[in-house]
């Protein structure tokens, strides 16, 4: 749709120009003004793509109008065409100096007018396309740089390599980060249009679209970086989750970071988000997690006994004492303030945990276990019960000291599977089944072992393979996308560009030297 402003002090002349425009059947909205002064007032509140103006008019003539318009940056892309009965050279010279697209003499010839307007619109279209291309390219470069920061690359290094595309103020403006996660490849299928269909439209009910930035990480995970500190992050997250559910009939889990004040804190916020997200293993019916969350904020904050006991058994098997302590604290918290359970029931649960611990301590024997269990059943309060188990965990830690954790074997098995099946549909749930671990626990062990998020490790393997196929084969990009586990080729191209800072096609044409050293 084009906005066209017609300026002439003669109503008959204005109507004639408007009639010629309508006869061309252009997708346009036509406004009019009787002189330059009125036109300038109109342009203070509105924009125009094309200004069609006479020269000689009262109060402010056409040349003065164009001169004033050029002073306002909002009119930078506006095309100006003069139609006038004045053929003086001085007017024409001024028109050229002002960059006027054409100077049509009255009476206006319909065919000449149509030819002029058609050419002006073609110029507009070409300039818009070039501007959009540059804007899109700059946005892609910024997203690539931000993606690196989110994944732990030094901020100063990223800013230096960006060549000014991303500045310190661009990345210091974020105040919180919101993480979205699904169990399927939701973002791989819908991530490309999520920003347009939801973030750029419906979320305006909460805030302006420029108040945040959307960044996709993997087919299962995306983040939103908030800029406006006045936004209530919980309200924002809940509305977004509602809209995703409504628009796509898909359930997401979200986590919200603590406040941040500079770019250097982004990576810590990412670690916090992933730790918060691990809570969905314990609370599958809760869709939003954040620091300082109270039990009344959750739909269900009841920790499932079987889940935690299974988790602690896994900690013992994996020789992960720190995780065992963390899960034991959760388990203890479950019963610390509960009066609905009998003392005998609670002591029975903790005695079973003692048995699992002593089964992993060679040489202690059944006699020592029985002594501890006897102490536990003779305990007078809950603190004594937890102290007995804590002491046994300390003993377990001494036993495990200096011994290699078996988690290394599971992690290596997962890495081998990913390397062999990178083109298959892959999820943490599927990988956890292969090594008989809970999904959240596998993610935690993998991160500890490799220092990398599991989903992002999968993406890095796929991206490296895609890069190899682009370099070494003549496969079509759509076939490479499928071969690397991306059925949606648009999403694949977007992910490749985000990861390497260059599109697959440009990489194939230019080679490895176009990729920044990662």
Protein backbone atom coordinates (compact mmCIF):
# COMPACT_ATOMS: atom_id res chain seq x y z
CA UNK A 1 0.00 0.00 0.00
CA UNK A 2 1.39 3.38 -1.06
CA UNK A 3 0.65 6.65 0.71
CA UNK A 4 0.37 9.48 -1.84
CA UNK A 5 -0.02 13.18 -0.98
CA UNK A 6 -1.36 15.51 -3.70
CA UNK A 7 -0.72 19.25 -3.14
CA UNK A 8 -2.29 21.96 -5.32
CA UNK A 9 -4.19 25.15 -4.51
CA UNK A 10 -6.69 24.38 -7.29
CA UNK A 11 -9.29 21.78 -6.24
CA UNK A 12 -9.98 20.92 -9.90
CA UNK A 13 -6.28 20.16 -10.45
CA UNK A 14 -6.13 18.01 -7.31
CA UNK A 15 -9.19 16.06 -8.38
CA UNK A 16 -7.71 15.52 -11.84
CA UNK A 17 -4.49 14.05 -10.40
CA UNK A 18 -6.49 11.86 -7.99
CA UNK A 19 -8.59 10.58 -10.89
CA UNK A 20 -5.48 9.65 -12.88
CA UNK A 21 -4.09 7.78 -9.87
CA UNK A 22 -7.32 5.85 -9.33
CA UNK A 23 -7.43 4.99 -13.03
CA UNK A 24 -4.04 3.30 -12.60
CA UNK A 25 -5.66 1.05 -9.97
CA UNK A 26 -2.71 1.33 -7.63
CA UNK A 27 -2.84 -0.12 -4.11
CA UNK A 28 -2.71 3.32 -2.54
CA UNK A 29 -4.28 5.77 -0.13
CA UNK A 30 -4.52 9.35 -1.41
CA UNK A 31 -4.41 12.44 0.82
CA UNK A 32 -4.57 16.06 -0.37
CA UNK A 33 -3.55 19.55 0.73
CA UNK A 34 -4.27 23.01 -0.72
CA UNK A 35 -0.77 24.43 -0.22
CA UNK A 36 2.72 23.69 1.09
CA UNK A 37 1.95 24.86 4.62
CA UNK A 38 -1.04 22.53 4.96
CA UNK A 39 0.97 19.68 3.41
CA UNK A 40 3.77 20.18 5.93
CA UNK A 41 1.28 20.09 8.82
CA UNK A 42 -0.14 16.84 7.42
CA UNK A 43 3.33 15.29 7.19
CA UNK A 44 4.00 16.04 10.86
CA UNK A 45 1.36 13.43 11.76
CA UNK A 46 1.46 11.15 8.71
CA UNK A 47 3.92 9.67 6.22
CA UNK A 48 3.88 9.73 2.44
CA UNK A 49 5.67 7.50 -0.05
CA UNK A 50 5.08 9.90 -2.96
CA UNK A 51 4.60 13.67 -2.85
CA UNK A 52 2.89 15.15 -5.93
CA UNK A 53 3.01 18.94 -5.71
CA UNK A 54 2.43 22.08 -7.75
CA UNK A 55 5.05 24.84 -7.57
CA UNK A 56 3.22 28.15 -7.28
CA UNK A 57 0.89 28.10 -4.25
CA UNK A 58 0.03 30.59 -1.49
CA UNK A 59 1.72 30.53 1.98
CA UNK A 60 4.40 28.01 0.91
CA UNK A 61 5.25 26.98 -2.64
CA UNK A 62 6.19 23.48 -3.82
CA UNK A 63 9.97 24.08 -3.81
CA UNK A 64 9.87 25.37 -0.23
CA UNK A 65 7.70 22.40 0.76
CA UNK A 66 10.21 19.91 -0.64
CA UNK A 67 13.10 21.76 1.04
CA UNK A 68 11.33 21.56 4.41
CA UNK A 69 10.48 17.89 3.88
CA UNK A 70 14.13 17.06 3.22
CA UNK A 71 15.04 18.41 6.68
CA UNK A 72 12.94 15.71 8.38
CA UNK A 73 14.49 12.22 8.50
CA UNK A 74 11.02 10.67 8.45
CA UNK A 75 10.70 11.79 4.83
CA UNK A 76 14.06 10.37 3.81
CA UNK A 77 12.57 7.76 1.46
CA UNK A 78 9.73 9.91 0.11
CA UNK A 79 9.70 10.43 -3.67
CA UNK A 80 8.83 13.93 -4.93
CA UNK A 81 7.21 14.73 -8.30
CA UNK A 82 6.38 18.26 -9.42
CA UNK A 83 3.51 18.98 -11.79
CA UNK A 84 3.31 22.65 -12.75
CA UNK A 85 2.48 25.16 -15.43
CA UNK A 86 5.78 26.94 -14.68
CA UNK A 87 8.50 26.04 -17.15
CA UNK A 88 11.08 28.49 -15.81
CA UNK A 89 14.61 27.09 -15.77
CA UNK A 90 15.18 28.29 -12.18
CA UNK A 91 12.40 26.07 -10.84
CA UNK A 92 13.67 23.07 -12.79
CA UNK A 93 17.23 23.65 -11.53
CA UNK A 94 16.05 23.79 -7.91
CA UNK A 95 14.01 20.63 -8.46
CA UNK A 96 17.11 18.79 -9.70
CA UNK A 97 19.13 20.03 -6.71
CA UNK A 98 16.46 18.70 -4.34
CA UNK A 99 16.46 15.27 -5.98
CA UNK A 100 12.93 15.55 -7.40
CA UNK A 101 12.06 12.41 -9.36
CA UNK A 102 10.32 14.24 -12.23
CA UNK A 103 8.97 17.61 -13.34
CA UNK A 104 5.72 17.31 -15.30
CA UNK A 105 4.33 20.33 -17.07
CA UNK A 106 0.61 21.17 -17.01
CA UNK A 107 -1.70 20.33 -18.57
CA UNK A 108 -0.72 16.84 -17.39
CA UNK A 109 -0.57 14.25 -20.14
CA UNK A 110 -2.20 11.02 -18.81
CA UNK A 111 0.26 8.69 -20.54
CA UNK A 112 3.27 10.71 -19.34
CA UNK A 113 1.81 10.80 -15.83
CA UNK A 114 1.27 7.04 -15.80
CA UNK A 115 4.81 6.41 -17.06
CA UNK A 116 6.28 8.72 -14.41
CA UNK A 117 4.30 7.22 -11.51
CA UNK A 118 5.11 3.68 -12.67
CA UNK A 119 8.81 4.48 -12.75
CA UNK A 120 8.70 6.17 -9.33
CA UNK A 121 6.96 3.16 -7.81
CA UNK A 122 9.56 0.83 -9.34
CA UNK A 123 12.26 2.96 -7.73
CA UNK A 124 10.43 2.77 -4.41
CA UNK A 125 10.13 -1.01 -4.64
CA UNK A 126 13.81 -1.44 -5.50
CA UNK A 127 14.89 0.82 -2.64
CA UNK A 128 12.56 -0.95 -0.19
CA UNK A 129 13.90 -4.35 -1.26
CA UNK A 130 17.50 -3.21 -0.85
CA UNK A 131 16.75 -1.62 2.52
CA UNK A 132 14.95 -4.75 3.75
CA UNK A 133 17.84 -6.91 2.56
CA UNK A 134 20.36 -4.77 4.41
CA UNK A 135 18.17 -4.71 7.51
CA UNK A 136 17.73 -8.48 7.40
CA UNK A 137 21.46 -9.00 6.89
CA UNK A 138 22.30 -6.74 9.84
CA UNK A 139 19.72 -8.52 11.99
CA UNK A 140 21.19 -11.91 11.08
CA UNK A 141 24.71 -10.70 11.93
CA UNK A 142 23.50 -9.37 15.29
CA UNK A 143 21.70 -12.63 16.07
CA UNK A 144 24.81 -14.65 15.21
CA UNK A 145 26.91 -12.49 17.54
CA UNK A 146 24.32 -12.73 20.32
CA UNK A 147 24.07 -16.49 19.82
CA UNK A 148 27.81 -16.71 20.50
CA UNK A 149 27.50 -14.67 23.71
CA UNK A 150 24.61 -16.83 24.92
CA UNK A 151 26.77 -19.90 24.32
CA UNK A 152 29.63 -18.61 26.43
CA UNK A 153 31.98 -16.89 23.97
CA UNK A 154 33.78 -13.92 25.55
CA UNK A 155 31.69 -10.74 25.12
CA UNK A 156 34.64 -8.47 24.20
CA UNK A 157 35.82 -10.98 21.60
CA UNK A 158 32.36 -11.22 20.00
CA UNK A 159 31.93 -7.44 19.87
CA UNK A 160 35.36 -7.01 18.28
CA UNK A 161 34.64 -9.60 15.59
CA UNK A 162 31.21 -8.12 14.88
CA UNK A 163 32.86 -5.03 13.39
CA UNK A 164 30.42 -2.62 15.02
CA UNK A 165 27.30 -4.53 13.99
CA UNK A 166 26.76 -5.31 17.68
CA UNK A 167 27.81 -2.77 20.31
CA UNK A 168 28.24 -3.03 24.06
CA UNK A 169 25.06 -0.99 24.61
CA UNK A 170 23.17 -3.44 22.36
CA UNK A 171 23.93 -6.32 24.73
CA UNK A 172 23.98 -4.41 28.04
CA UNK A 173 20.32 -3.44 27.59
CA UNK A 174 18.84 -6.81 28.60
CA UNK A 175 17.39 -7.11 32.11
CA UNK A 176 16.05 -10.69 32.18
CA UNK A 177 16.01 -13.80 30.03
CA UNK A 178 13.04 -16.10 29.50
CA UNK A 179 13.67 -19.66 28.31
CA UNK A 180 11.05 -21.74 26.48
CA UNK A 181 11.44 -25.50 26.19
CA UNK A 182 9.38 -28.29 24.65
CA UNK A 183 9.72 -32.07 24.61
CA UNK A 184 9.43 -32.23 20.81
CA UNK A 185 10.98 -30.28 17.91
CA UNK A 186 8.40 -27.50 18.23
CA UNK A 187 10.81 -24.65 17.46
CA UNK A 188 12.30 -26.59 14.57
CA UNK A 189 8.86 -26.77 13.01
CA UNK A 190 7.47 -23.39 14.10
CA UNK A 191 10.38 -21.29 15.35
CA UNK A 192 10.83 -19.43 12.08
CA UNK A 193 7.36 -17.88 12.22
CA UNK A 194 6.89 -17.78 16.01
CA UNK A 195 8.15 -14.21 16.24
CA UNK A 196 5.80 -12.96 13.52
CA UNK A 197 2.72 -14.94 14.52
CA UNK A 198 2.90 -14.39 18.25
CA UNK A 199 5.70 -12.20 19.52
CA UNK A 200 5.31 -9.38 17.02
CA UNK A 201 1.50 -9.31 17.20
CA UNK A 202 -0.37 -10.72 20.16
CA UNK A 203 2.28 -10.07 22.79
CA UNK A 204 1.80 -6.34 22.17
CA UNK A 205 -0.99 -6.65 24.71
CA UNK A 206 1.80 -6.91 27.31
CA UNK A 207 4.50 -4.66 25.84
CA UNK A 208 5.92 -3.11 22.69
CA UNK A 209 7.66 -5.53 20.31
CA UNK A 210 10.96 -3.62 20.57
CA UNK A 211 11.05 -4.34 24.33
CA UNK A 212 12.45 -7.84 23.78
CA UNK A 213 14.51 -9.97 21.41
CA UNK A 214 13.72 -13.54 20.35
CA UNK A 215 16.55 -16.03 19.74
CA UNK A 216 16.14 -19.68 18.82
CA UNK A 217 18.75 -22.05 20.27
CA UNK A 218 17.68 -25.56 19.22
CA UNK A 219 14.55 -27.23 17.83
CA UNK A 220 13.48 -27.76 21.47
CA UNK A 221 14.62 -24.50 23.04
CA UNK A 222 14.36 -20.75 22.52
CA UNK A 223 15.03 -17.69 24.64
CA UNK A 224 13.53 -14.21 24.87
CA UNK A 225 15.77 -11.42 26.15
CA UNK A 226 13.73 -8.68 27.82
CA UNK A 227 14.87 -5.06 27.67
CA UNK A 228 12.11 -3.22 29.56
CA UNK A 229 12.49 -3.46 33.35
CA UNK A 230 8.90 -2.30 33.84
CA UNK A 231 7.59 -5.52 32.26
CA UNK A 232 6.30 -8.08 34.75
CA UNK A 233 8.24 -11.16 33.56
CA UNK A 234 5.76 -13.62 35.11
CA UNK A 235 2.78 -11.97 33.40
CA UNK A 236 4.74 -11.81 30.15
CA UNK A 237 5.68 -15.52 30.35
CA UNK A 238 2.18 -16.69 31.26
CA UNK A 239 0.58 -14.74 28.41
CA UNK A 240 3.16 -16.06 25.96
CA UNK A 241 2.59 -19.67 27.07
CA UNK A 242 -1.18 -19.18 26.73
CA UNK A 243 -0.76 -17.83 23.21
CA UNK A 244 1.52 -20.67 22.12
CA UNK A 245 -1.03 -23.12 23.46
CA UNK A 246 -3.86 -21.34 21.65
CA UNK A 247 -2.04 -20.79 18.35
CA UNK A 248 -0.19 -24.11 18.04
CA UNK A 249 -1.93 -26.41 20.54
CA UNK A 250 1.47 -27.10 22.03
CA UNK A 251 2.54 -26.99 25.67
CA UNK A 252 5.79 -25.24 26.59
CA UNK A 253 7.64 -25.01 29.86
CA UNK A 254 9.28 -21.69 30.70
CA UNK A 255 11.87 -20.45 33.18
CA UNK A 256 12.75 -16.86 34.09
CA UNK A 257 16.22 -15.70 35.08
CA UNK A 258 17.07 -13.31 37.87
CA UNK A 259 17.72 -9.71 36.84
CA UNK A 260 20.91 -8.98 34.91
CA UNK A 261 22.61 -5.63 34.34
CA UNK A 262 25.30 -6.31 31.72
CA UNK A 263 26.21 -8.68 28.90
CA UNK A 264 28.80 -10.50 31.00
CA UNK A 265 25.97 -11.80 33.21
CA UNK A 266 24.12 -13.45 30.30
CA UNK A 267 25.99 -16.76 30.52
CA UNK A 268 25.30 -17.01 34.29
CA UNK A 269 21.64 -16.30 33.59
CA UNK A 270 21.64 -19.10 31.01
CA UNK A 271 23.03 -21.54 33.59
CA UNK A 272 20.35 -20.42 36.04
CA UNK A 273 17.61 -20.93 33.43
CA UNK A 274 18.75 -24.48 32.71
CA UNK A 275 18.89 -25.31 36.42
CA UNK A 276 15.38 -23.94 36.87
CA UNK A 277 14.19 -25.91 33.86
CA UNK A 278 15.36 -29.15 35.47
CA UNK A 279 12.52 -28.71 37.97
CA UNK A 280 10.01 -29.83 35.37
CA UNK A 281 11.21 -33.38 36.02
CA UNK A 282 9.83 -33.07 39.56
CA UNK A 283 6.81 -30.93 38.70
CA UNK A 284 5.51 -32.00 35.27
CA UNK A 285 2.26 -30.06 35.77
CA UNK A 286 4.01 -26.76 36.46
CA UNK A 287 4.73 -24.73 33.34
CA UNK A 288 6.72 -21.79 34.76
CA UNK A 289 9.75 -21.75 37.07
CA UNK A 290 11.67 -18.80 38.50
CA UNK A 291 14.00 -18.02 41.40
CA UNK A 292 12.30 -17.45 44.76
CA UNK A 293 9.19 -19.30 43.68
CA UNK A 294 6.82 -20.07 46.58
CA UNK A 295 4.71 -23.18 46.87
CA UNK A 296 1.53 -21.15 46.49
CA UNK A 297 2.72 -20.04 43.05
CA UNK A 298 2.67 -23.59 41.69
CA UNK A 299 -0.26 -25.70 40.64
CA UNK A 300 1.46 -28.73 42.17
CA UNK A 301 4.54 -28.46 44.38
CA UNK A 302 4.24 -31.92 45.79
CA UNK A 303 7.44 -33.85 45.16
CA UNK A 304 6.78 -37.40 44.13
CA UNK A 305 8.52 -39.84 46.48
CA UNK A 306 9.14 -42.50 43.85
CA UNK A 307 10.70 -39.95 41.50
CA UNK A 308 13.15 -38.64 44.10
CA UNK A 309 14.04 -42.08 45.41
CA UNK A 310 14.74 -43.22 41.85
CA UNK A 311 16.87 -40.11 41.33
CA UNK A 312 18.92 -40.76 44.48
CA UNK A 313 19.48 -44.39 43.49
CA UNK A 314 20.81 -43.08 40.21
CA UNK A 315 23.10 -40.60 42.02
CA UNK A 316 24.58 -43.47 44.02
CA UNK A 317 25.08 -45.58 40.92
CA UNK A 318 26.70 -42.65 39.11
CA UNK A 319 28.86 -41.86 42.18
CA UNK A 320 27.57 -38.27 42.01
CA UNK A 321 27.62 -37.26 45.67
CA UNK A 322 26.79 -33.60 45.08
CA UNK A 323 23.61 -34.50 43.20
CA UNK A 324 22.79 -37.02 45.91
CA UNK A 325 23.04 -34.29 48.53
CA UNK A 326 20.86 -31.96 46.46
CA UNK A 327 18.19 -34.61 45.92
CA UNK A 328 18.37 -35.71 49.56
CA UNK A 329 17.72 -32.10 50.59
CA UNK A 330 14.64 -32.05 48.35
CA UNK A 331 13.53 -35.35 49.80
CA UNK A 332 14.01 -34.10 53.38
CA UNK A 333 12.19 -30.86 52.60
CA UNK A 334 9.24 -32.92 51.44
CA UNK A 335 8.70 -34.21 54.98
CA UNK A 336 10.28 -31.54 57.18
CA UNK A 337 7.05 -29.61 57.75
CA UNK A 338 4.55 -32.40 57.09
CA UNK A 339 2.36 -33.75 59.91
CA UNK A 340 0.17 -35.95 57.76
CA UNK A 341 2.70 -38.82 57.80
CA UNK A 342 3.48 -41.07 60.76
CA UNK A 343 7.00 -41.15 62.23
CA UNK A 344 7.23 -44.83 61.37
CA UNK A 345 6.45 -44.20 57.69
CA UNK A 346 9.09 -41.46 57.45
CA UNK A 347 11.72 -43.58 59.23
CA UNK A 348 10.92 -46.48 56.92
CA UNK A 349 11.58 -44.33 53.83
CA UNK A 350 14.89 -42.98 55.19
CA UNK A 351 15.99 -46.46 56.32
CA UNK A 352 15.55 -47.73 52.76
CA UNK A 353 17.74 -44.89 51.54
CA UNK A 354 20.40 -45.89 54.09
CA UNK A 355 20.34 -49.42 52.70
CA UNK A 356 20.97 -48.10 49.16
CA UNK A 357 23.90 -46.03 50.44
CA UNK A 358 25.54 -48.87 52.36
CA UNK A 359 25.07 -51.27 49.45
CA UNK A 360 27.48 -48.98 47.56
CA UNK A 361 30.07 -48.90 50.36
CA UNK A 362 32.27 -52.00 50.12
CA UNK A 363 33.40 -53.61 53.36
CA UNK A 364 30.91 -51.91 55.66
CA UNK A 365 28.69 -54.97 55.84
CA UNK A 366 25.25 -55.68 57.12
CA UNK A 367 26.23 -55.19 60.77
CA UNK A 368 27.16 -51.53 60.27
CA UNK A 369 23.98 -50.94 58.28
CA UNK A 370 21.86 -52.48 61.02
CA UNK A 371 23.55 -50.24 63.59
CA UNK A 372 22.67 -47.12 61.58
CA UNK A 373 19.10 -48.25 60.99
CA UNK A 374 18.73 -48.98 64.71
CA UNK A 375 19.95 -45.44 65.49
CA UNK A 376 17.52 -44.04 62.96
CA UNK A 377 14.49 -45.84 64.43
CA UNK A 378 15.49 -44.69 67.95
CA UNK A 379 15.68 -41.04 66.83
CA UNK A 380 13.45 -38.59 68.65
CA UNK A 381 13.13 -35.93 65.95
CA UNK A 382 13.42 -35.39 62.24
CA UNK A 383 16.80 -33.60 62.48
CA UNK A 384 18.38 -36.71 63.99
CA UNK A 385 17.01 -38.81 61.14
CA UNK A 386 18.45 -36.53 58.45
CA UNK A 387 21.79 -36.23 60.30
CA UNK A 388 22.22 -40.03 60.29
CA UNK A 389 21.63 -40.17 56.53
CA UNK A 390 23.90 -37.14 55.93
CA UNK A 391 26.73 -38.85 57.84
CA UNK A 392 26.27 -41.92 55.66
CA UNK A 393 26.47 -39.75 52.53
CA UNK A 394 29.77 -38.33 53.85
CA UNK A 395 31.03 -41.90 54.24
CA UNK A 396 29.95 -42.60 50.67
CA UNK A 397 31.89 -39.56 49.46
CA UNK A 398 35.08 -40.83 51.12
CA UNK A 399 34.55 -44.21 49.49
CA UNK A 400 34.10 -42.63 46.06
CA UNK A 401 37.03 -40.25 46.50
CA UNK A 402 39.62 -40.80 43.76
CA UNK A 403 37.38 -43.18 41.82
CA UNK A 404 36.25 -42.26 38.32
CA UNK A 405 32.55 -41.57 38.06
CA UNK A 406 30.73 -43.99 35.83
CA UNK A 407 28.86 -41.07 34.28
CA UNK A 408 31.71 -40.77 31.78
CA UNK A 409 30.67 -44.07 30.16
CA UNK A 410 27.05 -42.97 29.74
CA UNK A 411 28.07 -39.60 28.31
CA UNK A 412 30.45 -41.23 25.83
CA UNK A 413 27.71 -43.68 24.80
CA UNK A 414 25.33 -40.77 24.17
CA UNK A 415 27.96 -38.88 22.15
CA UNK A 416 28.62 -41.96 20.00
CA UNK A 417 24.91 -42.41 19.37
CA UNK A 418 24.49 -38.75 18.35
CA UNK A 419 27.46 -39.00 15.96
CA UNK A 420 25.95 -42.08 14.31
CA UNK A 421 22.29 -40.96 14.24
CA UNK A 422 22.48 -37.15 13.85
CA UNK A 423 19.98 -37.33 10.97
CA UNK A 424 17.30 -39.07 13.04
CA UNK A 425 14.67 -37.36 15.16
CA UNK A 426 16.42 -36.96 18.48
CA UNK A 427 15.36 -35.85 21.95
CA UNK A 428 16.77 -35.95 25.46
CA UNK A 429 14.01 -38.42 26.33
CA UNK A 430 15.13 -40.82 23.62
CA UNK A 431 18.80 -40.55 24.59
CA UNK A 432 18.05 -41.03 28.27
CA UNK A 433 16.29 -44.32 27.50
CA UNK A 434 19.45 -45.61 25.81
CA UNK A 435 21.52 -45.23 28.99
CA UNK A 436 18.70 -45.92 31.49
CA UNK A 437 18.78 -42.46 33.03
CA UNK A 438 16.12 -39.89 33.75
CA UNK A 439 16.09 -37.13 31.07
CA UNK A 440 16.86 -34.28 33.49
CA UNK A 441 19.61 -36.34 35.10
CA UNK A 442 21.23 -37.14 31.77
CA UNK A 443 21.18 -33.42 30.91
CA UNK A 444 22.81 -32.61 34.23
CA UNK A 445 25.51 -35.31 33.94
CA UNK A 446 26.22 -34.38 30.31
CA UNK A 447 26.65 -30.71 31.23
CA UNK A 448 28.99 -31.58 34.11
CA UNK A 449 31.04 -33.92 31.94
CA UNK A 450 31.29 -31.78 28.80
CA UNK A 451 30.44 -28.25 29.95
CA UNK A 452 27.81 -28.11 27.21
CA UNK A 453 24.04 -28.29 27.10
CA UNK A 454 22.92 -31.60 25.54
CA UNK A 455 20.49 -30.11 23.03
CA UNK A 456 23.09 -27.62 21.88
CA UNK A 457 25.67 -30.40 21.58
CA UNK A 458 23.27 -32.19 19.21
CA UNK A 459 22.96 -28.98 17.21
CA UNK A 460 26.74 -28.53 17.01
CA UNK A 461 27.17 -32.09 15.65
CA UNK A 462 24.47 -31.50 13.05
CA UNK A 463 25.93 -28.13 12.03
CA UNK A 464 29.43 -29.60 11.62
CA UNK A 465 28.03 -32.41 9.47
CA UNK A 466 26.05 -29.93 7.37
CA UNK A 467 29.21 -27.88 6.86
CA UNK A 468 31.10 -31.00 5.73
CA UNK A 469 28.35 -31.97 3.28
CA UNK A 470 28.29 -28.46 1.81
CA UNK A 471 32.06 -28.55 1.33
CA UNK A 472 32.51 -32.11 0.11
CA UNK A 473 29.35 -32.95 -1.85
CA UNK A 474 27.03 -31.45 -4.43
CA UNK A 475 23.91 -32.49 -2.51
CA UNK A 476 21.01 -30.06 -2.69
CA UNK A 477 20.61 -27.91 0.41
CA UNK A 478 17.13 -29.34 1.01
CA UNK A 479 18.65 -32.86 1.00
CA UNK A 480 21.45 -31.80 3.36
CA UNK A 481 18.82 -30.32 5.67
CA UNK A 482 16.96 -33.65 5.82
CA UNK A 483 20.17 -35.68 6.16
CA UNK A 484 21.19 -33.60 9.19
CA UNK A 485 17.91 -34.02 11.03
CA UNK A 486 16.12 -30.85 9.89
CA UNK A 487 12.94 -31.70 7.93
CA UNK A 488 12.15 -27.97 7.71
CA UNK A 489 14.69 -26.50 5.27
CA UNK A 490 13.83 -22.89 6.22
CA UNK A 491 14.60 -23.65 9.84
CA UNK A 492 17.82 -25.40 8.81
CA UNK A 493 19.00 -22.37 6.82
CA UNK A 494 18.10 -20.06 9.70
CA UNK A 495 19.95 -22.28 12.22
CA UNK A 496 23.03 -22.59 9.98
CA UNK A 497 23.21 -18.81 9.51
CA UNK A 498 22.73 -18.24 13.24
CA UNK A 499 25.47 -20.77 14.07
CA UNK A 500 28.05 -19.76 11.44
CA UNK A 501 27.01 -16.22 10.54
CA UNK A 502 26.51 -17.12 6.86
CA UNK A 503 23.80 -18.89 4.86
CA UNK A 504 24.39 -22.46 3.57
CA UNK A 505 24.35 -21.24 -0.05
CA UNK A 506 26.87 -18.46 0.57
CA UNK A 507 29.10 -20.85 2.50
CA UNK A 508 29.08 -23.30 -0.42
CA UNK A 509 29.99 -20.48 -2.81
CA UNK A 510 32.62 -18.81 -0.63
CA UNK A 511 34.15 -21.63 1.37
CA UNK A 512 35.42 -21.97 4.90
CA UNK A 513 37.19 -18.61 5.00
CA UNK A 514 33.80 -16.87 5.32
CA UNK A 515 33.12 -18.51 8.67
CA UNK A 516 34.41 -16.78 11.77
CA UNK A 517 36.67 -18.91 13.91
CA UNK A 518 34.44 -20.33 16.61
